[in-house]
């Protein structure tokens, strides 16, 4: 998994917090993450504000939208 957080998100402390929260929320959904896929998360400037106002649950909801559902048979043959 790769994470890109640009300077527009905030200072180094805020960028590192955003990266840490992304990692935590992404791996909290580990059962939906494919071990054969690579993931790259690019944090946009508004993500820092989202985390400040709505917390990490808002980020988890955004990540859930991108991952296949747990009942999905995507990628199996």
PDB file of N, CA and C in Angstrom:
ATOM      1  N   UNK A   1       0.848  -1.169   0.000  1.00  0.00           N
ATOM      2  CA  UNK A   1       0.000   0.000   0.000  1.00  0.00           C
ATOM      3  C   UNK A   1       0.892   1.230   0.000  1.00  0.00           C
ATOM      4  N   UNK A   2       0.566   2.159  -0.876  1.00  0.00           N
ATOM      5  CA  UNK A   2       1.282   3.417  -0.921  1.00  0.00           C
ATOM      6  C   UNK A   2       0.365   4.561  -0.522  1.00  0.00           C
ATOM      7  N   UNK A   3       0.919   5.528   0.180  1.00  0.00           N
ATOM      8  CA  UNK A   3       0.142   6.688   0.612  1.00  0.00           C
ATOM      9  C   UNK A   3       0.886   7.938   0.190  1.00  0.00           C
ATOM     10  N   UNK A   4       0.179   8.832  -0.470  1.00  0.00           N
ATOM     11  CA  UNK A   4       0.750  10.109  -0.889  1.00  0.00           C
ATOM     12  C   UNK A   4      -0.051  11.234  -0.243  1.00  0.00           C
ATOM     13  N   UNK A   5       0.647  12.047   0.552  1.00  0.00           N
ATOM     14  CA  UNK A   5       0.004  13.182   1.214  1.00  0.00           C
ATOM     15  C   UNK A   5       0.851  14.409   0.911  1.00  0.00           C
ATOM     16  N   UNK A   6       0.314  15.314   0.103  1.00  0.00           N
ATOM     17  CA  UNK A   6       1.049  16.496  -0.308  1.00  0.00           C
ATOM     18  C   UNK A   6       1.061  17.596   0.742  1.00  0.00           C
ATOM     19  N   UNK A   7       1.884  18.586   0.506  1.00  0.00           N
ATOM     20  CA  UNK A   7       2.033  19.695   1.441  1.00  0.00           C
ATOM     21  C   UNK A   7       0.766  20.530   1.579  1.00  0.00           C
ATOM     22  N   UNK A   8      -0.121  20.463   0.612  1.00  0.00           N
ATOM     23  CA  UNK A   8      -1.371  21.232   0.699  1.00  0.00           C
ATOM     24  C   UNK A   8      -2.288  20.715   1.802  1.00  0.00           C
ATOM     25  N   UNK A   9      -2.040  19.493   2.282  1.00  0.00           N
ATOM     26  CA  UNK A   9      -2.848  18.936   3.362  1.00  0.00           C
ATOM     27  C   UNK A   9      -2.519  19.635   4.679  1.00  0.00           C
ATOM     28  N   UNK A  10      -1.283  20.053   4.834  1.00  0.00           N
ATOM     29  CA  UNK A  10      -0.889  20.749   6.065  1.00  0.00           C
ATOM     30  C   UNK A  10       0.586  20.579   6.345  1.00  0.00           C
ATOM     31  N   UNK A  11       0.982  20.955   7.555  1.00  0.00           N
ATOM     32  CA  UNK A  11       2.386  20.830   7.934  1.00  0.00           C
ATOM     33  C   UNK A  11       2.742  19.357   8.149  1.00  0.00           C
ATOM     34  N   UNK A  12       3.997  19.080   8.471  1.00  0.00           N
ATOM     35  CA  UNK A  12       4.466  17.701   8.590  1.00  0.00           C
ATOM     36  C   UNK A  12       3.702  16.914   9.646  1.00  0.00           C
ATOM     37  N   UNK A  13       3.385  17.556  10.751  1.00  0.00           N
ATOM     38  CA  UNK A  13       2.649  16.877  11.818  1.00  0.00           C
ATOM     39  C   UNK A  13       1.270  16.449  11.319  1.00  0.00           C
ATOM     40  N   UNK A  14       0.584  17.333  10.635  1.00  0.00           N
ATOM     41  CA  UNK A  14      -0.759  17.016  10.125  1.00  0.00           C
ATOM     42  C   UNK A  14      -0.686  15.952   9.029  1.00  0.00           C
ATOM     43  N   UNK A  15       0.308  16.048   8.137  1.00  0.00           N
ATOM     44  CA  UNK A  15       0.457  15.043   7.068  1.00  0.00           C
ATOM     45  C   UNK A  15       0.712  13.662   7.658  1.00  0.00           C
ATOM     46  N   UNK A  16       1.573  13.580   8.668  1.00  0.00           N
ATOM     47  CA  UNK A  16       1.854  12.287   9.291  1.00  0.00           C
ATOM     48  C   UNK A  16       0.631  11.729  10.002  1.00  0.00           C
ATOM     49  N   UNK A  17      -0.161  12.593  10.619  1.00  0.00           N
ATOM     50  CA  UNK A  17      -1.397  12.138  11.259  1.00  0.00           C
ATOM     51  C   UNK A  17      -2.355  11.584  10.219  1.00  0.00           C
ATOM     52  N   UNK A  18      -2.479  12.291   9.086  1.00  0.00           N
ATOM     53  CA  UNK A  18      -3.367  11.837   8.010  1.00  0.00           C
ATOM     54  C   UNK A  18      -2.905  10.471   7.509  1.00  0.00           C
ATOM     55  N   UNK A  19      -1.610  10.297   7.300  1.00  0.00           N
ATOM     56  CA  UNK A  19      -1.085   9.003   6.842  1.00  0.00           C
ATOM     57  C   UNK A  19      -1.382   7.902   7.860  1.00  0.00           C
ATOM     58  N   UNK A  20      -1.196   8.204   9.126  1.00  0.00           N
ATOM     59  CA  UNK A  20      -1.441   7.221  10.177  1.00  0.00           C
ATOM     60  C   UNK A  20      -2.912   6.804  10.205  1.00  0.00           C
ATOM     61  N   UNK A  21      -3.809   7.776  10.094  1.00  0.00           N
ATOM     62  CA  UNK A  21      -5.242   7.476  10.114  1.00  0.00           C
ATOM     63  C   UNK A  21      -5.640   6.686   8.874  1.00  0.00           C
ATOM     64  N   UNK A  22      -5.086   7.037   7.719  1.00  0.00           N
ATOM     65  CA  UNK A  22      -5.384   6.280   6.495  1.00  0.00           C
ATOM     66  C   UNK A  22      -4.972   4.821   6.678  1.00  0.00           C
ATOM     67  N   UNK A  23      -3.757   4.598   7.178  1.00  0.00           N
ATOM     68  CA  UNK A  23      -3.285   3.231   7.395  1.00  0.00           C
ATOM     69  C   UNK A  23      -4.204   2.474   8.356  1.00  0.00           C
ATOM     70  N   UNK A  24      -4.546   3.090   9.472  1.00  0.00           N
ATOM     71  CA  UNK A  24      -5.397   2.431  10.467  1.00  0.00           C
ATOM     72  C   UNK A  24      -6.754   2.057   9.894  1.00  0.00           C
ATOM     73  N   UNK A  25      -7.374   2.992   9.197  1.00  0.00           N
ATOM     74  CA  UNK A  25      -8.714   2.729   8.659  1.00  0.00           C
ATOM     75  C   UNK A  25      -8.668   1.732   7.500  1.00  0.00           C
ATOM     76  N   UNK A  26      -7.619   1.790   6.698  1.00  0.00           N
ATOM     77  CA  UNK A  26      -7.488   0.853   5.586  1.00  0.00           C
ATOM     78  C   UNK A  26      -7.341  -0.572   6.114  1.00  0.00           C
ATOM     79  N   UNK A  27      -6.470  -0.762   7.086  1.00  0.00           N
ATOM     80  CA  UNK A  27      -6.245  -2.111   7.607  1.00  0.00           C
ATOM     81  C   UNK A  27      -7.357  -2.574   8.531  1.00  0.00           C
ATOM     82  N   UNK A  28      -8.198  -1.673   9.006  1.00  0.00           N
ATOM     83  CA  UNK A  28      -9.382  -2.091   9.769  1.00  0.00           C
ATOM     84  C   UNK A  28     -10.353  -2.837   8.861  1.00  0.00           C
ATOM     85  N   UNK A  29     -10.227  -2.599   7.561  1.00  0.00           N
ATOM     86  CA  UNK A  29     -11.070  -3.273   6.567  1.00  0.00           C
ATOM     87  C   UNK A  29     -10.296  -4.405   5.890  1.00  0.00           C
ATOM     88  N   UNK A  30      -9.376  -5.005   6.614  1.00  0.00           N
ATOM     89  CA  UNK A  30      -8.466  -6.009   6.072  1.00  0.00           C
ATOM     90  C   UNK A  30      -9.173  -7.170   5.380  1.00  0.00           C
ATOM     91  N   UNK A  31     -10.336  -7.559   5.863  1.00  0.00           N
ATOM     92  CA  UNK A  31     -11.061  -8.685   5.268  1.00  0.00           C
ATOM     93  C   UNK A  31     -11.510  -8.382   3.840  1.00  0.00           C
ATOM     94  N   UNK A  32     -11.570  -7.108   3.465  1.00  0.00           N
ATOM     95  CA  UNK A  32     -11.995  -6.727   2.116  1.00  0.00           C
ATOM     96  C   UNK A  32     -10.817  -6.389   1.205  1.00  0.00           C
ATOM     97  N   UNK A  33      -9.614  -6.417   1.736  1.00  0.00           N
ATOM     98  CA  UNK A  33      -8.424  -6.057   0.973  1.00  0.00           C
ATOM     99  C   UNK A  33      -7.859  -7.305   0.310  1.00  0.00           C
ATOM    100  N   UNK A  34      -7.651  -7.234  -0.986  1.00  0.00           N
ATOM    101  CA  UNK A  34      -7.104  -8.354  -1.735  1.00  0.00           C
ATOM    102  C   UNK A  34      -5.594  -8.425  -1.536  1.00  0.00           C
ATOM    103  N   UNK A  35      -5.091  -9.608  -1.238  1.00  0.00           N
ATOM    104  CA  UNK A  35      -3.650  -9.756  -1.041  1.00  0.00           C
ATOM    105  C   UNK A  35      -2.893  -9.751  -2.362  1.00  0.00           C
ATOM    106  N   UNK A  36      -3.601  -9.868  -3.469  1.00  0.00           N
ATOM    107  CA  UNK A  36      -2.945  -9.872  -4.776  1.00  0.00           C
ATOM    108  C   UNK A  36      -2.990  -8.517  -5.463  1.00  0.00           C
ATOM    109  N   UNK A  37      -3.522  -7.526  -4.796  1.00  0.00           N
ATOM    110  CA  UNK A  37      -3.646  -6.190  -5.379  1.00  0.00           C
ATOM    111  C   UNK A  37      -2.740  -5.201  -4.661  1.00  0.00           C
ATOM    112  N   UNK A  38      -2.352  -4.171  -5.393  1.00  0.00           N
ATOM    113  CA  UNK A  38      -1.613  -3.059  -4.815  1.00  0.00           C
ATOM    114  C   UNK A  38      -2.575  -1.891  -4.682  1.00  0.00           C
ATOM    115  N   UNK A  39      -2.416  -1.104  -3.631  1.00  0.00           N
ATOM    116  CA  UNK A  39      -3.290   0.037  -3.387  1.00  0.00           C
ATOM    117  C   UNK A  39      -2.448   1.289  -3.217  1.00  0.00           C
ATOM    118  N   UNK A  40      -2.915   2.368  -3.810  1.00  0.00           N
ATOM    119  CA  UNK A  40      -2.282   3.669  -3.644  1.00  0.00           C
ATOM    120  C   UNK A  40      -3.368   4.647  -3.229  1.00  0.00           C
ATOM    121  N   UNK A  41      -3.155   5.314  -2.105  1.00  0.00           N
ATOM    122  CA  UNK A  41      -4.109   6.289  -1.585  1.00  0.00           C
ATOM    123  C   UNK A  41      -3.478   7.660  -1.721  1.00  0.00           C
ATOM    124  N   UNK A  42      -4.164   8.561  -2.398  1.00  0.00           N
ATOM    125  CA  UNK A  42      -3.695   9.935  -2.556  1.00  0.00           C
ATOM    126  C   UNK A  42      -4.623  10.824  -1.745  1.00  0.00           C
ATOM    127  N   UNK A  43      -4.066  11.445  -0.717  1.00  0.00           N
ATOM    128  CA  UNK A  43      -4.867  12.312   0.154  1.00  0.00           C
ATOM    129  C   UNK A  43      -4.978  13.691  -0.473  1.00  0.00           C
ATOM    130  N   UNK A  44      -6.177  14.141  -0.639  1.00  0.00           N
ATOM    131  CA  UNK A  44      -6.432  15.480  -1.173  1.00  0.00           C
ATOM    132  C   UNK A  44      -6.455  16.483  -0.029  1.00  0.00           C
ATOM    133  N   UNK A  45      -6.258  17.760  -0.339  1.00  0.00           N
ATOM    134  CA  UNK A  45      -6.174  18.786   0.723  1.00  0.00           C
ATOM    135  C   UNK A  45      -7.362  18.818   1.678  1.00  0.00           C
ATOM    136  N   UNK A  46      -8.543  18.506   1.212  1.00  0.00           N
ATOM    137  CA  UNK A  46      -9.731  18.551   2.078  1.00  0.00           C
ATOM    138  C   UNK A  46      -9.793  17.405   3.081  1.00  0.00           C
ATOM    139  N   UNK A  47      -8.949  16.390   2.924  1.00  0.00           N
ATOM    140  CA  UNK A  47      -8.995  15.254   3.841  1.00  0.00           C
ATOM    141  C   UNK A  47      -8.639  15.670   5.260  1.00  0.00           C
ATOM    142  N   UNK A  48      -7.696  16.562   5.422  1.00  0.00           N
ATOM    143  CA  UNK A  48      -7.347  17.041   6.758  1.00  0.00           C
ATOM    144  C   UNK A  48      -8.529  17.694   7.435  1.00  0.00           C
ATOM    145  N   UNK A  49      -9.289  18.474   6.686  1.00  0.00           N
ATOM    146  CA  UNK A  49     -10.490  19.118   7.234  1.00  0.00           C
ATOM    147  C   UNK A  49     -11.569  18.089   7.557  1.00  0.00           C
ATOM    148  N   UNK A  50     -11.720  17.089   6.692  1.00  0.00           N
ATOM    149  CA  UNK A  50     -12.710  16.037   6.913  1.00  0.00           C
ATOM    150  C   UNK A  50     -12.409  15.291   8.207  1.00  0.00           C
ATOM    151  N   UNK A  51     -11.152  14.944   8.411  1.00  0.00           N
ATOM    152  CA  UNK A  51     -10.781  14.227   9.633  1.00  0.00           C
ATOM    153  C   UNK A  51     -11.010  15.088  10.866  1.00  0.00           C
ATOM    154  N   UNK A  52     -10.764  16.383  10.724  1.00  0.00           N
ATOM    155  CA  UNK A  52     -10.963  17.279  11.857  1.00  0.00           C
ATOM    156  C   UNK A  52     -12.423  17.456  12.222  1.00  0.00           C
ATOM    157  N   UNK A  53     -13.284  17.498  11.219  1.00  0.00           N
ATOM    158  CA  UNK A  53     -14.699  17.761  11.492  1.00  0.00           C
ATOM    159  C   UNK A  53     -15.523  16.493  11.726  1.00  0.00           C
ATOM    160  N   UNK A  54     -15.261  15.442  10.955  1.00  0.00           N
ATOM    161  CA  UNK A  54     -16.102  14.247  11.035  1.00  0.00           C
ATOM    162  C   UNK A  54     -15.394  13.035  11.620  1.00  0.00           C
ATOM    163  N   UNK A  55     -14.096  13.101  11.788  1.00  0.00           N
ATOM    164  CA  UNK A  55     -13.344  11.999  12.383  1.00  0.00           C
ATOM    165  C   UNK A  55     -12.993  10.907  11.387  1.00  0.00           C
ATOM    166  N   UNK A  56     -12.375   9.870  11.899  1.00  0.00           N
ATOM    167  CA  UNK A  56     -11.877   8.803  11.041  1.00  0.00           C
ATOM    168  C   UNK A  56     -12.983   7.936  10.452  1.00  0.00           C
ATOM    169  N   UNK A  57     -14.177   7.962  11.039  1.00  0.00           N
ATOM    170  CA  UNK A  57     -15.285   7.173  10.487  1.00  0.00           C
ATOM    171  C   UNK A  57     -15.661   7.649   9.093  1.00  0.00           C
ATOM    172  N   UNK A  58     -15.525   8.943   8.839  1.00  0.00           N
ATOM    173  CA  UNK A  58     -15.814   9.478   7.506  1.00  0.00           C
ATOM    174  C   UNK A  58     -14.815   8.934   6.495  1.00  0.00           C
ATOM    175  N   UNK A  59     -13.567   8.824   6.899  1.00  0.00           N
ATOM    176  CA  UNK A  59     -12.540   8.267   6.020  1.00  0.00           C
ATOM    177  C   UNK A  59     -12.812   6.796   5.760  1.00  0.00           C
ATOM    178  N   UNK A  60     -13.194   6.060   6.794  1.00  0.00           N
ATOM    179  CA  UNK A  60     -13.492   4.639   6.618  1.00  0.00           C
ATOM    180  C   UNK A  60     -14.629   4.450   5.622  1.00  0.00           C
ATOM    181  N   UNK A  61     -15.635   5.302   5.687  1.00  0.00           N
ATOM    182  CA  UNK A  61     -16.758   5.214   4.746  1.00  0.00           C
ATOM    183  C   UNK A  61     -16.279   5.439   3.315  1.00  0.00           C
ATOM    184  N   UNK A  62     -15.347   6.372   3.136  1.00  0.00           N
ATOM    185  CA  UNK A  62     -14.811   6.636   1.797  1.00  0.00           C
ATOM    186  C   UNK A  62     -14.021   5.428   1.287  1.00  0.00           C
ATOM    187  N   UNK A  63     -13.233   4.816   2.146  1.00  0.00           N
ATOM    188  CA  UNK A  63     -12.446   3.646   1.748  1.00  0.00           C
ATOM    189  C   UNK A  63     -13.368   2.472   1.447  1.00  0.00           C
ATOM    190  N   UNK A  64     -14.422   2.287   2.244  1.00  0.00           N
ATOM    191  CA  UNK A  64     -15.365   1.191   2.012  1.00  0.00           C
ATOM    192  C   UNK A  64     -16.002   1.277   0.637  1.00  0.00           C
ATOM    193  N   UNK A  65     -16.243   2.485   0.158  1.00  0.00           N
ATOM    194  CA  UNK A  65     -16.843   2.655  -1.167  1.00  0.00           C
ATOM    195  C   UNK A  65     -15.927   2.134  -2.263  1.00  0.00           C
ATOM    196  N   UNK A  66     -14.624   2.192  -2.047  1.00  0.00           N
ATOM    197  CA  UNK A  66     -13.661   1.806  -3.069  1.00  0.00           C
ATOM    198  C   UNK A  66     -13.349   0.319  -3.083  1.00  0.00           C
ATOM    199  N   UNK A  67     -13.493  -0.341  -1.956  1.00  0.00           N
ATOM    200  CA  UNK A  67     -13.168  -1.758  -1.855  1.00  0.00           C
ATOM    201  C   UNK A  67     -14.377  -2.604  -2.223  1.00  0.00           C
ATOM    202  N   UNK A  68     -14.132  -3.811  -2.768  1.00  0.00           N
ATOM    203  CA  UNK A  68     -15.257  -4.691  -3.074  1.00  0.00           C
ATOM    204  C   UNK A  68     -15.951  -5.137  -1.791  1.00  0.00           C
ATOM    205  N   UNK A  69     -17.226  -5.425  -1.893  1.00  0.00           N
ATOM    206  CA  UNK A  69     -17.980  -5.849  -0.710  1.00  0.00           C
ATOM    207  C   UNK A  69     -17.458  -7.202  -0.238  1.00  0.00           C
ATOM    208  N   UNK A  70     -17.616  -7.527   1.043  1.00  0.00           N
ATOM    209  CA  UNK A  70     -17.087  -8.788   1.566  1.00  0.00           C
ATOM    210  C   UNK A  70     -17.735 -10.020   0.940  1.00  0.00           C
ATOM    211  N   UNK A  71     -18.951  -9.883   0.407  1.00  0.00           N
ATOM    212  CA  UNK A  71     -19.624 -11.026  -0.203  1.00  0.00           C
ATOM    213  C   UNK A  71     -19.329 -11.131  -1.694  1.00  0.00           C
ATOM    214  N   UNK A  72     -18.657 -10.125  -2.237  1.00  0.00           N
ATOM    215  CA  UNK A  72     -18.335 -10.114  -3.655  1.00  0.00           C
ATOM    216  C   UNK A  72     -17.298 -11.172  -3.974  1.00  0.00           C
ATOM    217  N   UNK A  73     -17.450 -11.853  -5.087  1.00  0.00           N
ATOM    218  CA  UNK A  73     -16.501 -12.862  -5.542  1.00  0.00           C
ATOM    219  C   UNK A  73     -15.562 -12.276  -6.587  1.00  0.00           C
ATOM    220  N   UNK A  74     -15.360 -10.980  -6.538  1.00  0.00           N
ATOM    221  CA  UNK A  74     -14.529 -10.291  -7.516  1.00  0.00           C
ATOM    222  C   UNK A  74     -13.118 -10.855  -7.501  1.00  0.00           C
ATOM    223  N   UNK A  75     -12.589 -11.105  -8.681  1.00  0.00           N
ATOM    224  CA  UNK A  75     -11.225 -11.575  -8.801  1.00  0.00           C
ATOM    225  C   UNK A  75     -11.074 -13.082  -8.693  1.00  0.00           C
ATOM    226  N   UNK A  76     -12.160 -13.824  -8.465  1.00  0.00           N
ATOM    227  CA  UNK A  76     -12.057 -15.280  -8.388  1.00  0.00           C
ATOM    228  C   UNK A  76     -12.536 -15.886  -9.692  1.00  0.00           C
ATOM    229  N   UNK A  77     -11.958 -17.013 -10.021  1.00  0.00           N
ATOM    230  CA  UNK A  77     -12.308 -17.708 -11.263  1.00  0.00           C
ATOM    231  C   UNK A  77     -12.841 -19.062 -10.950  1.00  0.00           C
TER     232      UNK A  77
END
